[in-house]
Protein backbone atom coordinates (compact mmCIF):
# COMPACT_ATOMS: atom_id res chain seq x y z
CA MET A 1 0.05 -0.05 -0.04
CA ASN A 2 2.01 2.97 -1.38
CA THR A 3 -0.75 5.42 -1.73
CA LYS A 4 0.15 8.89 -0.75
CA THR A 5 -2.26 11.62 0.13
CA VAL A 6 -1.31 15.06 -0.95
CA VAL A 7 -2.38 17.86 1.42
CA PRO A 8 -2.13 21.34 -0.28
CA LEU A 9 -0.46 24.11 1.67
CA PHE A 10 -2.42 27.06 2.65
CA SER A 11 -1.42 30.21 0.85
CA ALA A 12 -2.56 33.49 2.40
CA SER A 13 -1.26 35.45 -0.70
CA LEU A 14 -3.73 33.47 -2.94
CA VAL A 15 -6.70 33.70 -0.49
CA ASN A 16 -6.12 37.38 0.22
CA GLY A 17 -4.83 38.40 -3.24
CA ARG A 18 -8.29 39.80 -4.30
CA PHE A 19 -8.33 42.20 -1.34
CA ASP A 20 -6.37 45.46 -0.98
CA LEU A 21 -5.43 45.38 2.59
CA ALA A 22 -2.88 48.27 2.39
CA PRO A 23 -5.44 51.12 3.11
CA VAL A 24 -6.77 49.21 6.18
CA LEU A 25 -3.48 48.47 7.64
CA GLN A 26 -2.14 52.10 6.98
CA ARG A 27 -5.49 53.26 8.84
CA VAL A 28 -4.61 50.99 11.88
CA LEU A 29 -1.08 52.14 11.90
CA ASP A 30 -1.90 55.69 11.68
CA SER A 31 -4.37 55.53 14.44
CA ASN A 32 -1.82 53.91 16.85
CA SER A 33 -4.66 51.60 18.27
CA TYR A 34 -3.43 48.22 17.70
CA ILE A 35 -5.70 46.81 20.44
CA LEU A 36 -9.24 47.84 21.44
CA GLY A 37 -9.46 50.21 18.67
CA LYS A 38 -12.26 51.09 16.27
CA GLU A 39 -11.05 48.67 13.62
CA VAL A 40 -10.82 45.71 16.09
CA THR A 41 -14.37 46.51 17.32
CA GLN A 42 -15.54 46.68 13.74
CA PHE A 43 -13.82 43.45 12.82
CA GLU A 44 -15.18 41.64 15.97
CA GLN A 45 -18.76 42.78 15.08
CA GLU A 46 -18.52 41.87 11.33
CA PHE A 47 -16.96 38.34 12.06
CA ALA A 48 -19.66 37.63 14.71
CA ARG A 49 -22.30 38.57 12.21
CA TYR A 50 -20.59 36.37 9.49
CA THR A 51 -20.32 33.32 11.77
CA GLY A 52 -23.81 33.75 13.16
CA VAL A 53 -22.91 34.23 16.75
CA GLU A 54 -23.73 36.92 19.19
CA HIS A 55 -20.11 37.97 20.20
CA CYS A 56 -16.58 37.68 18.97
CA VAL A 57 -13.33 38.29 21.01
CA SER A 58 -10.02 38.78 18.86
CA VAL A 59 -6.89 37.67 20.59
CA ALA A 60 -3.31 38.14 19.78
CA ASN A 61 -2.23 34.52 19.82
CA GLY A 62 -3.27 30.85 20.47
CA SER A 63 -2.17 30.94 24.04
CA GLU A 64 -4.60 33.84 24.74
CA ALA A 65 -7.37 31.94 22.91
CA LEU A 66 -6.77 28.86 25.08
CA GLU A 67 -6.68 31.01 28.30
CA ILE A 68 -10.07 32.49 27.55
CA ALA A 69 -11.68 29.14 26.26
């Protein structure tokens, strides 16, 4: 049994290639609000709506996600 399963690697550049993220990133950098800013609040609200849940809390890394889980 020499059957190999090929799992394609995720490519963020291919997935995000159709979005121009530069203006959004520049707006965040210019605001100096990297946490708890307007953009974060807007992202959390839109992502909650997209996933069909009432609330969304963004975190900086997987350790923080595990801590609040």
